[in-house]
PDB file of N, CA and C in Angstrom:
ATOM      1  N   MET A   1    -141.963  70.356 -25.437  1.00  0.00           N
ATOM      2  CA  MET A   1    -140.882  71.296 -25.626  1.00  0.00           C
ATOM      3  C   MET A   1    -139.665  70.899 -24.792  1.00  0.00           C
ATOM      4  N   ILE A   2    -139.869  70.606 -23.531  1.00  0.00           N
ATOM      5  CA  ILE A   2    -138.752  70.295 -22.635  1.00  0.00           C
ATOM      6  C   ILE A   2    -138.009  69.034 -23.085  1.00  0.00           C
ATOM      7  N   PRO A   3    -138.697  67.947 -23.480  1.00  0.00           N
ATOM      8  CA  PRO A   3    -137.942  66.781 -23.968  1.00  0.00           C
ATOM      9  C   PRO A   3    -137.082  67.104 -25.197  1.00  0.00           C
ATOM     10  N   LYS A   4    -137.623  67.895 -26.093  1.00  0.00           N
ATOM     11  CA  LYS A   4    -136.860  68.280 -27.290  1.00  0.00           C
ATOM     12  C   LYS A   4    -135.639  69.110 -26.888  1.00  0.00           C
ATOM     13  N   LEU A   5    -135.813  70.008 -25.972  1.00  0.00           N
ATOM     14  CA  LEU A   5    -134.710  70.836 -25.495  1.00  0.00           C
ATOM     15  C   LEU A   5    -133.666  69.989 -24.774  1.00  0.00           C
ATOM     16  N   ASN A   6    -134.104  69.031 -23.976  1.00  0.00           N
ATOM     17  CA  ASN A   6    -133.167  68.125 -23.308  1.00  0.00           C
ATOM     18  C   ASN A   6    -132.355  67.327 -24.319  1.00  0.00           C
ATOM     19  N   GLU A   7    -132.999  66.901 -25.389  1.00  0.00           N
ATOM     20  CA  GLU A   7    -132.304  66.148 -26.433  1.00  0.00           C
ATOM     21  C   GLU A   7    -131.226  67.001 -27.091  1.00  0.00           C
ATOM     22  N   LEU A   8    -131.548  68.245 -27.359  1.00  0.00           N
ATOM     23  CA  LEU A   8    -130.575  69.139 -27.976  1.00  0.00           C
ATOM     24  C   LEU A   8    -129.404  69.419 -27.036  1.00  0.00           C
ATOM     25  N   ASP A   9    -129.691  69.584 -25.765  1.00  0.00           N
ATOM     26  CA  ASP A   9    -128.636  69.793 -24.785  1.00  0.00           C
ATOM     27  C   ASP A   9    -127.765  68.546 -24.656  1.00  0.00           C
ATOM     28  N   TYR A  10    -128.388  67.381 -24.738  1.00  0.00           N
ATOM     29  CA  TYR A  10    -127.652  66.124 -24.680  1.00  0.00           C
ATOM     30  C   TYR A  10    -126.684  66.013 -25.856  1.00  0.00           C
ATOM     31  N   GLN A  11    -127.095  66.481 -27.028  1.00  0.00           N
ATOM     32  CA  GLN A  11    -126.210  66.431 -28.194  1.00  0.00           C
ATOM     33  C   GLN A  11    -124.921  67.205 -27.922  1.00  0.00           C
ATOM     34  N   LEU A  12    -125.042  68.378 -27.346  1.00  0.00           N
ATOM     35  CA  LEU A  12    -123.856  69.169 -27.013  1.00  0.00           C
ATOM     36  C   LEU A  12    -123.006  68.427 -25.986  1.00  0.00           C
ATOM     37  N   ASP A  13    -123.631  67.862 -24.986  1.00  0.00           N
ATOM     38  CA  ASP A  13    -122.895  67.104 -23.975  1.00  0.00           C
ATOM     39  C   ASP A  13    -122.197  65.893 -24.594  1.00  0.00           C
ATOM     40  N   TRP A  14    -122.874  65.209 -25.517  1.00  0.00           N
ATOM     41  CA  TRP A  14    -122.287  64.029 -26.145  1.00  0.00           C
ATOM     42  C   TRP A  14    -121.069  64.404 -26.994  1.00  0.00           C
ATOM     43  N   VAL A  15    -121.169  65.456 -27.779  1.00  0.00           N
ATOM     44  CA  VAL A  15    -120.036  65.883 -28.609  1.00  0.00           C
ATOM     45  C   VAL A  15    -118.879  66.321 -27.708  1.00  0.00           C
ATOM     46  N   THR A  16    -119.183  67.008 -26.638  1.00  0.00           N
ATOM     47  CA  THR A  16    -118.144  67.423 -25.688  1.00  0.00           C
ATOM     48  C   THR A  16    -117.466  66.202 -25.076  1.00  0.00           C
ATOM     49  N   TYR A  17    -118.242  65.241 -24.653  1.00  0.00           N
ATOM     50  CA  TYR A  17    -117.704  64.005 -24.086  1.00  0.00           C
ATOM     51  C   TYR A  17    -116.845  63.271 -25.125  1.00  0.00           C
ATOM     52  N   SER A  18    -117.354  63.166 -26.342  1.00  0.00           N
ATOM     53  CA  SER A  18    -116.614  62.492 -27.413  1.00  0.00           C
ATOM     54  C   SER A  18    -115.303  63.203 -27.698  1.00  0.00           C
ATOM     55  N   PHE A  19    -115.354  64.516 -27.743  1.00  0.00           N
ATOM     56  CA  PHE A  19    -114.128  65.281 -27.973  1.00  0.00           C
ATOM     57  C   PHE A  19    -113.111  65.011 -26.867  1.00  0.00           C
ATOM     58  N   ASP A  20    -113.547  65.031 -25.620  1.00  0.00           N
ATOM     59  CA  ASP A  20    -112.640  64.779 -24.496  1.00  0.00           C
ATOM     60  C   ASP A  20    -111.996  63.402 -24.607  1.00  0.00           C
ATOM     61  N   LYS A  21    -112.766  62.408 -24.996  1.00  0.00           N
ATOM     62  CA  LYS A  21    -112.226  61.048 -25.152  1.00  0.00           C
ATOM     63  C   LYS A  21    -111.262  60.960 -26.329  1.00  0.00           C
ATOM     64  N   HIS A  22    -111.580  61.622 -27.416  1.00  0.00           N
ATOM     65  CA  HIS A  22    -110.697  61.624 -28.585  1.00  0.00           C
ATOM     66  C   HIS A  22    -109.387  62.361 -28.296  1.00  0.00           C
ATOM     67  N   ARG A  23    -109.452  63.374 -27.478  1.00  0.00           N
ATOM     68  CA  ARG A  23    -108.251  64.133 -27.111  1.00  0.00           C
ATOM     69  C   ARG A  23    -107.231  63.244 -26.404  1.00  0.00           C
ATOM     70  N   ILE A  24    -107.725  62.286 -25.663  1.00  0.00           N
ATOM     71  CA  ILE A  24    -106.841  61.362 -24.949  1.00  0.00           C
ATOM     72  C   ILE A  24    -106.152  60.419 -25.934  1.00  0.00           C
ATOM     73  N   ARG A  25    -106.890  59.982 -26.931  1.00  0.00           N
ATOM     74  CA  ARG A  25    -106.389  58.963 -27.853  1.00  0.00           C
ATOM     75  C   ARG A  25    -105.561  59.520 -29.003  1.00  0.00           C
ATOM     76  N   PHE A  26    -105.896  60.696 -29.488  1.00  0.00           N
ATOM     77  CA  PHE A  26    -105.250  61.258 -30.677  1.00  0.00           C
ATOM     78  C   PHE A  26    -104.413  62.473 -30.298  1.00  0.00           C
ATOM     79  N   ASP A  27    -103.177  62.480 -30.768  1.00  0.00           N
ATOM     80  CA  ASP A  27    -102.249  63.558 -30.414  1.00  0.00           C
ATOM     81  C   ASP A  27    -102.518  64.864 -31.158  1.00  0.00           C
ATOM     82  N   ASN A  28    -102.726  64.787 -32.442  1.00  0.00           N
ATOM     83  CA  ASN A  28    -102.848  65.995 -33.269  1.00  0.00           C
ATOM     84  C   ASN A  28    -104.301  66.321 -33.598  1.00  0.00           C
ATOM     85  N   ILE A  29    -105.107  66.397 -32.590  1.00  0.00           N
ATOM     86  CA  ILE A  29    -106.530  66.664 -32.768  1.00  0.00           C
ATOM     87  C   ILE A  29    -106.787  68.174 -32.715  1.00  0.00           C
ATOM     88  N   ARG A  30    -107.749  68.622 -33.498  1.00  0.00           N
ATOM     89  CA  ARG A  30    -108.160  70.027 -33.414  1.00  0.00           C
ATOM     90  C   ARG A  30    -108.723  70.282 -32.019  1.00  0.00           C
ATOM     91  N   ASP A  31    -108.427  71.435 -31.487  1.00  0.00           N
ATOM     92  CA  ASP A  31    -108.880  71.747 -30.131  1.00  0.00           C
ATOM     93  C   ASP A  31    -110.223  72.481 -30.180  1.00  0.00           C
ATOM     94  N   TYR A  32    -111.264  71.776 -29.805  1.00  0.00           N
ATOM     95  CA  TYR A  32    -112.614  72.333 -29.781  1.00  0.00           C
ATOM     96  C   TYR A  32    -113.067  72.706 -28.370  1.00  0.00           C
ATOM     97  N   SER A  33    -112.185  72.604 -27.398  1.00  0.00           N
ATOM     98  CA  SER A  33    -112.613  72.808 -26.012  1.00  0.00           C
ATOM     99  C   SER A  33    -113.211  74.200 -25.777  1.00  0.00           C
ATOM    100  N   MET A  34    -112.587  75.221 -26.306  1.00  0.00           N
ATOM    101  CA  MET A  34    -113.105  76.587 -26.095  1.00  0.00           C
ATOM    102  C   MET A  34    -114.440  76.792 -26.803  1.00  0.00           C
ATOM    103  N   ILE A  35    -114.538  76.299 -28.017  1.00  0.00           N
ATOM    104  CA  ILE A  35    -115.781  76.519 -28.764  1.00  0.00           C
ATOM    105  C   ILE A  35    -116.934  75.731 -28.146  1.00  0.00           C
ATOM    106  N   LEU A  36    -116.662  74.532 -27.645  1.00  0.00           N
ATOM    107  CA  LEU A  36    -117.726  73.758 -27.004  1.00  0.00           C
ATOM    108  C   LEU A  36    -118.175  74.420 -25.705  1.00  0.00           C
ATOM    109  N   SER A  37    -117.242  74.995 -24.976  1.00  0.00           N
ATOM    110  CA  SER A  37    -117.602  75.754 -23.765  1.00  0.00           C
ATOM    111  C   SER A  37    -118.420  76.989 -24.129  1.00  0.00           C
ATOM    112  N   GLN A  38    -118.022  77.636 -25.208  1.00  0.00           N
ATOM    113  CA  GLN A  38    -118.756  78.808 -25.683  1.00  0.00           C
ATOM    114  C   GLN A  38    -120.166  78.419 -26.104  1.00  0.00           C
ATOM    115  N   TYR A  39    -120.307  77.301 -26.815  1.00  0.00           N
ATOM    116  CA  TYR A  39    -121.631  76.826 -27.222  1.00  0.00           C
ATOM    117  C   TYR A  39    -122.521  76.603 -26.002  1.00  0.00           C
ATOM    118  N   LYS A  40    -121.975  75.978 -24.973  1.00  0.00           N
ATOM    119  CA  LYS A  40    -122.750  75.697 -23.760  1.00  0.00           C
ATOM    120  C   LYS A  40    -123.233  77.008 -23.129  1.00  0.00           C
ATOM    121  N   ALA A  41    -122.327  77.976 -23.015  1.00  0.00           N
ATOM    122  CA  ALA A  41    -122.689  79.273 -22.430  1.00  0.00           C
ATOM    123  C   ALA A  41    -123.742  79.989 -23.272  1.00  0.00           C
ATOM    124  N   GLU A  42    -123.573  79.968 -24.591  1.00  0.00           N
ATOM    125  CA  GLU A  42    -124.538  80.618 -25.476  1.00  0.00           C
ATOM    126  C   GLU A  42    -125.912  79.946 -25.386  1.00  0.00           C
ATOM    127  N   ASP A  43    -125.904  78.620 -25.378  1.00  0.00           N
ATOM    128  CA  ASP A  43    -127.171  77.896 -25.285  1.00  0.00           C
ATOM    129  C   ASP A  43    -127.904  78.226 -23.990  1.00  0.00           C
ATOM    130  N   LEU A  44    -127.165  78.282 -22.894  1.00  0.00           N
ATOM    131  CA  LEU A  44    -127.790  78.622 -21.616  1.00  0.00           C
ATOM    132  C   LEU A  44    -128.380  80.034 -21.632  1.00  0.00           C
ATOM    133  N   GLU A  45    -127.685  80.957 -22.274  1.00  0.00           N
ATOM    134  CA  GLU A  45    -128.216  82.325 -22.377  1.00  0.00           C
ATOM    135  C   GLU A  45    -129.486  82.370 -23.223  1.00  0.00           C
ATOM    136  N   ILE A  46    -129.500  81.619 -24.317  1.00  0.00           N
ATOM    137  CA  ILE A  46    -130.690  81.572 -25.173  1.00  0.00           C
ATOM    138  C   ILE A  46    -131.869  80.951 -24.415  1.00  0.00           C
ATOM    139  N   ILE A  47    -131.584  79.868 -23.704  1.00  0.00           N
ATOM    140  CA  ILE A  47    -132.638  79.219 -22.915  1.00  0.00           C
ATOM    141  C   ILE A  47    -133.177  80.200 -21.878  1.00  0.00           C
ATOM    142  N   LYS A  48    -132.285  80.855 -21.188  1.00  0.00           N
ATOM    143  CA  LYS A  48    -132.700  81.822 -20.161  1.00  0.00           C
ATOM    144  C   LYS A  48    -133.532  82.958 -20.778  1.00  0.00           C
ATOM    145  N   LYS A  49    -133.038  83.481 -21.889  1.00  0.00           N
ATOM    146  CA  LYS A  49    -133.713  84.613 -22.526  1.00  0.00           C
ATOM    147  C   LYS A  49    -135.132  84.264 -22.973  1.00  0.00           C
ATOM    148  N   TYR A  50    -135.271  83.156 -23.672  1.00  0.00           N
ATOM    149  CA  TYR A  50    -136.574  82.832 -24.262  1.00  0.00           C
ATOM    150  C   TYR A  50    -137.518  82.130 -23.291  1.00  0.00           C
ATOM    151  N   LEU A  51    -136.988  81.195 -22.521  1.00  0.00           N
ATOM    152  CA  LEU A  51    -137.890  80.476 -21.631  1.00  0.00           C
ATOM    153  C   LEU A  51    -138.323  81.312 -20.442  1.00  0.00           C
ATOM    154  N   SER A  52    -137.593  82.376 -20.133  1.00  0.00           N
ATOM    155  CA  SER A  52    -138.069  83.267 -19.079  1.00  0.00           C
ATOM    156  C   SER A  52    -139.364  83.966 -19.505  1.00  0.00           C
ATOM    157  N   ILE A  53    -139.551  84.102 -20.798  1.00  0.00           N
ATOM    158  CA  ILE A  53    -140.815  84.664 -21.298  1.00  0.00           C
ATOM    159  C   ILE A  53    -141.975  83.761 -20.893  1.00  0.00           C
ATOM    160  N   LEU A  54    -141.741  82.463 -20.994  1.00  0.00           N
ATOM    161  CA  LEU A  54    -142.801  81.505 -20.618  1.00  0.00           C
ATOM    162  C   LEU A  54    -142.921  81.324 -19.118  1.00  0.00           C
ATOM    163  N   PHE A  55    -141.789  81.110 -18.455  1.00  0.00           N
ATOM    164  CA  PHE A  55    -141.835  80.660 -17.067  1.00  0.00           C
ATOM    165  C   PHE A  55    -141.674  81.761 -16.025  1.00  0.00           C
ATOM    166  N   VAL A  56    -141.218  82.930 -16.433  1.00  0.00           N
ATOM    167  CA  VAL A  56    -141.114  84.051 -15.495  1.00  0.00           C
ATOM    168  C   VAL A  56    -142.205  85.075 -15.804  1.00  0.00           C
ATOM    169  N   GLU A  57    -142.290  85.453 -17.085  1.00  0.00           N
ATOM    170  CA  GLU A  57    -143.322  86.420 -17.481  1.00  0.00           C
ATOM    171  C   GLU A  57    -144.690  85.759 -17.660  1.00  0.00           C
ATOM    172  N   HIS A  58    -144.712  84.457 -17.852  1.00  0.00           N
ATOM    173  CA  HIS A  58    -145.954  83.701 -18.099  1.00  0.00           C
ATOM    174  C   HIS A  58    -146.708  84.271 -19.302  1.00  0.00           C
ATOM    175  N   ASN A  59    -145.949  84.542 -20.365  1.00  0.00           N
ATOM    176  CA  ASN A  59    -146.526  85.178 -21.539  1.00  0.00           C
ATOM    177  C   ASN A  59    -146.345  84.266 -22.756  1.00  0.00           C
ATOM    178  N   SER A  60    -147.265  83.355 -22.953  1.00  0.00           N
ATOM    179  CA  SER A  60    -147.151  82.407 -24.073  1.00  0.00           C
ATOM    180  C   SER A  60    -147.335  83.089 -25.425  1.00  0.00           C
ATOM    181  N   GLU A  61    -148.126  84.137 -25.466  1.00  0.00           N
ATOM    182  CA  GLU A  61    -148.322  84.854 -26.729  1.00  0.00           C
ATOM    183  C   GLU A  61    -147.024  85.524 -27.182  1.00  0.00           C
ATOM    184  N   LYS A  62    -146.329  86.125 -26.267  1.00  0.00           N
ATOM    185  CA  LYS A  62    -145.043  86.760 -26.587  1.00  0.00           C
ATOM    186  C   LYS A  62    -144.034  85.706 -27.033  1.00  0.00           C
ATOM    187  N   PHE A  63    -144.040  84.551 -26.367  1.00  0.00           N
ATOM    188  CA  PHE A  63    -143.112  83.489 -26.753  1.00  0.00           C
ATOM    189  C   PHE A  63    -143.420  82.977 -28.156  1.00  0.00           C
ATOM    190  N   LYS A  64    -144.698  82.848 -28.500  1.00  0.00           N
ATOM    191  CA  LYS A  64    -145.067  82.368 -29.828  1.00  0.00           C
ATOM    192  C   LYS A  64    -144.487  83.257 -30.921  1.00  0.00           C
ATOM    193  N   ILE A  65    -144.369  84.537 -30.651  1.00  0.00           N
ATOM    194  CA  ILE A  65    -143.826  85.477 -31.632  1.00  0.00           C
ATOM    195  C   ILE A  65    -142.351  85.200 -31.904  1.00  0.00           C
ATOM    196  N   CYS A  66    -141.622  84.807 -30.889  1.00  0.00           N
ATOM    197  CA  CYS A  66    -140.175  84.603 -31.036  1.00  0.00           C
ATOM    198  C   CYS A  66    -139.756  83.128 -30.995  1.00  0.00           C
ATOM    199  N   GLU A  67    -140.722  82.230 -30.921  1.00  0.00           N
ATOM    200  CA  GLU A  67    -140.417  80.805 -30.791  1.00  0.00           C
ATOM    201  C   GLU A  67    -139.549  80.290 -31.941  1.00  0.00           C
ATOM    202  N   ASN A  68    -139.804  80.730 -33.151  1.00  0.00           N
ATOM    203  CA  ASN A  68    -139.001  80.286 -34.293  1.00  0.00           C
ATOM    204  C   ASN A  68    -137.535  80.664 -34.134  1.00  0.00           C
ATOM    205  N   ASP A  69    -137.273  81.850 -33.600  1.00  0.00           N
ATOM    206  CA  ASP A  69    -135.887  82.263 -33.358  1.00  0.00           C
ATOM    207  C   ASP A  69    -135.213  81.347 -32.338  1.00  0.00           C
ATOM    208  N   PHE A  70    -135.960  80.975 -31.324  1.00  0.00           N
ATOM    209  CA  PHE A  70    -135.455  80.075 -30.288  1.00  0.00           C
ATOM    210  C   PHE A  70    -135.025  78.749 -30.899  1.00  0.00           C
ATOM    211  N   TRP A  71    -135.913  78.121 -31.666  1.00  0.00           N
ATOM    212  CA  TRP A  71    -135.601  76.811 -32.248  1.00  0.00           C
ATOM    213  C   TRP A  71    -134.572  76.920 -33.357  1.00  0.00           C
ATOM    214  N   GLU A  72    -134.555  78.026 -34.051  1.00  0.00           N
ATOM    215  CA  GLU A  72    -133.560  78.228 -35.124  1.00  0.00           C
ATOM    216  C   GLU A  72    -132.142  78.221 -34.545  1.00  0.00           C
ATOM    217  N   HIS A  73    -131.990  78.817 -33.379  1.00  0.00           N
ATOM    218  CA  HIS A  73    -130.677  78.799 -32.723  1.00  0.00           C
ATOM    219  C   HIS A  73    -130.199  77.361 -32.544  1.00  0.00           C
ATOM    220  N   PHE A  74    -131.066  76.492 -32.053  1.00  0.00           N
ATOM    221  CA  PHE A  74    -130.687  75.113 -31.784  1.00  0.00           C
ATOM    222  C   PHE A  74    -130.542  74.294 -33.070  1.00  0.00           C
ATOM    223  N   LYS A  75    -131.296  74.664 -34.079  1.00  0.00           N
ATOM    224  CA  LYS A  75    -131.125  73.996 -35.379  1.00  0.00           C
ATOM    225  C   LYS A  75    -129.736  74.295 -35.926  1.00  0.00           C
ATOM    226  N   ASN A  76    -129.329  75.547 -35.843  1.00  0.00           N
ATOM    227  CA  ASN A  76    -127.986  75.931 -36.293  1.00  0.00           C
ATOM    228  C   ASN A  76    -126.915  75.261 -35.444  1.00  0.00           C
ATOM    229  N   ARG A  77    -127.138  75.199 -34.165  1.00  0.00           N
ATOM    230  CA  ARG A  77    -126.182  74.555 -33.253  1.00  0.00           C
ATOM    231  C   ARG A  77    -126.030  73.077 -33.596  1.00  0.00           C
ATOM    232  N   GLU A  78    -127.148  72.455 -33.914  1.00  0.00           N
ATOM    233  CA  GLU A  78    -127.131  71.038 -34.259  1.00  0.00           C
ATOM    234  C   GLU A  78    -126.207  70.786 -35.456  1.00  0.00           C
ATOM    235  N   GLN A  79    -126.254  71.655 -36.439  1.00  0.00           N
ATOM    236  CA  GLN A  79    -125.392  71.516 -37.617  1.00  0.00           C
ATOM    237  C   GLN A  79    -123.920  71.705 -37.231  1.00  0.00           C
ATOM    238  N   GLN A  80    -123.636  72.675 -36.381  1.00  0.00           N
ATOM    239  CA  GLN A  80    -122.263  72.905 -35.935  1.00  0.00           C
ATOM    240  C   GLN A  80    -121.724  71.692 -35.179  1.00  0.00           C
ATOM    241  N   LEU A  81    -122.552  71.106 -34.330  1.00  0.00           N
ATOM    242  CA  LEU A  81    -122.140  69.929 -33.570  1.00  0.00           C
ATOM    243  C   LEU A  81    -121.927  68.726 -34.481  1.00  0.00           C
ATOM    244  N   LYS A  82    -122.759  68.610 -35.479  1.00  0.00           N
ATOM    245  CA  LYS A  82    -122.622  67.512 -36.438  1.00  0.00           C
ATOM    246  C   LYS A  82    -121.272  67.591 -37.142  1.00  0.00           C
ATOM    247  N   GLU A  83    -120.875  68.779 -37.520  1.00  0.00           N
ATOM    248  CA  GLU A  83    -119.587  68.960 -38.203  1.00  0.00           C
ATOM    249  C   GLU A  83    -118.418  68.565 -37.291  1.00  0.00           C
ATOM    250  N   ILE A  84    -118.484  68.942 -36.046  1.00  0.00           N
ATOM    251  CA  ILE A  84    -117.427  68.561 -35.101  1.00  0.00           C
ATOM    252  C   ILE A  84    -117.416  67.050 -34.915  1.00  0.00           C
ATOM    253  N   TYR A  85    -118.586  66.464 -34.753  1.00  0.00           N
ATOM    254  CA  TYR A  85    -118.664  65.022 -34.534  1.00  0.00           C
ATOM    255  C   TYR A  85    -118.167  64.253 -35.758  1.00  0.00           C
ATOM    256  N   GLN A  86    -118.502  64.724 -36.940  1.00  0.00           N
ATOM    257  CA  GLN A  86    -118.014  64.079 -38.163  1.00  0.00           C
ATOM    258  C   GLN A  86    -116.492  64.139 -38.234  1.00  0.00           C
ATOM    259  N   TYR A  87    -115.916  65.256 -37.808  1.00  0.00           N
ATOM    260  CA  TYR A  87    -114.458  65.354 -37.752  1.00  0.00           C
ATOM    261  C   TYR A  87    -113.900  64.301 -36.794  1.00  0.00           C
ATOM    262  N   LEU A  88    -114.498  64.167 -35.626  1.00  0.00           N
ATOM    263  CA  LEU A  88    -114.013  63.186 -34.647  1.00  0.00           C
ATOM    264  C   LEU A  88    -114.097  61.767 -35.210  1.00  0.00           C
ATOM    265  N   ILE A  89    -115.171  61.461 -35.895  1.00  0.00           N
ATOM    266  CA  ILE A  89    -115.329  60.139 -36.499  1.00  0.00           C
ATOM    267  C   ILE A  89    -114.272  59.923 -37.592  1.00  0.00           C
ATOM    268  N   SER A  90    -113.968  60.968 -38.321  1.00  0.00           N
ATOM    269  CA  SER A  90    -112.984  60.841 -39.406  1.00  0.00           C
ATOM    270  C   SER A  90    -111.587  60.478 -38.880  1.00  0.00           C
ATOM    271  N   LEU A  91    -111.319  60.723 -37.630  1.00  0.00           N
ATOM    272  CA  LEU A  91    -110.028  60.382 -37.061  1.00  0.00           C
ATOM    273  C   LEU A  91    -109.803  58.870 -37.017  1.00  0.00           C
ATOM    274  N   HIS A  92    -110.863  58.113 -37.093  1.00  0.00           N
ATOM    275  CA  HIS A  92    -110.767  56.656 -37.014  1.00  0.00           C
ATOM    276  C   HIS A  92    -110.470  56.005 -38.359  1.00  0.00           C
ATOM    277  N   LYS A  93    -110.416  56.786 -39.394  1.00  0.00           N
ATOM    278  CA  LYS A  93    -110.172  56.216 -40.745  1.00  0.00           C
ATOM    279  C   LYS A  93    -108.704  56.057 -41.007  1.00  0.00           C
TER     280      LYS A  93
END
């Protein structure tokens, strides 16, 4: 679970890093800085909310009930990040 979660967090960090680098090179770029910051804050809240069930409450049965919601959040986030990254790549055409 933790490696998968680290990978998803890395994706957000990579898109944020890519956006910052593209902002330097391209003048008329869409500004994603606020939304990427919002994504980071939301992801941290989701991690805190769900993983506290496992690591604070020590309740794996309760986590199993909501585990799909946890991963669904990151699946949706992955699609949002992909769209931003595709936009950044399109700037090179």
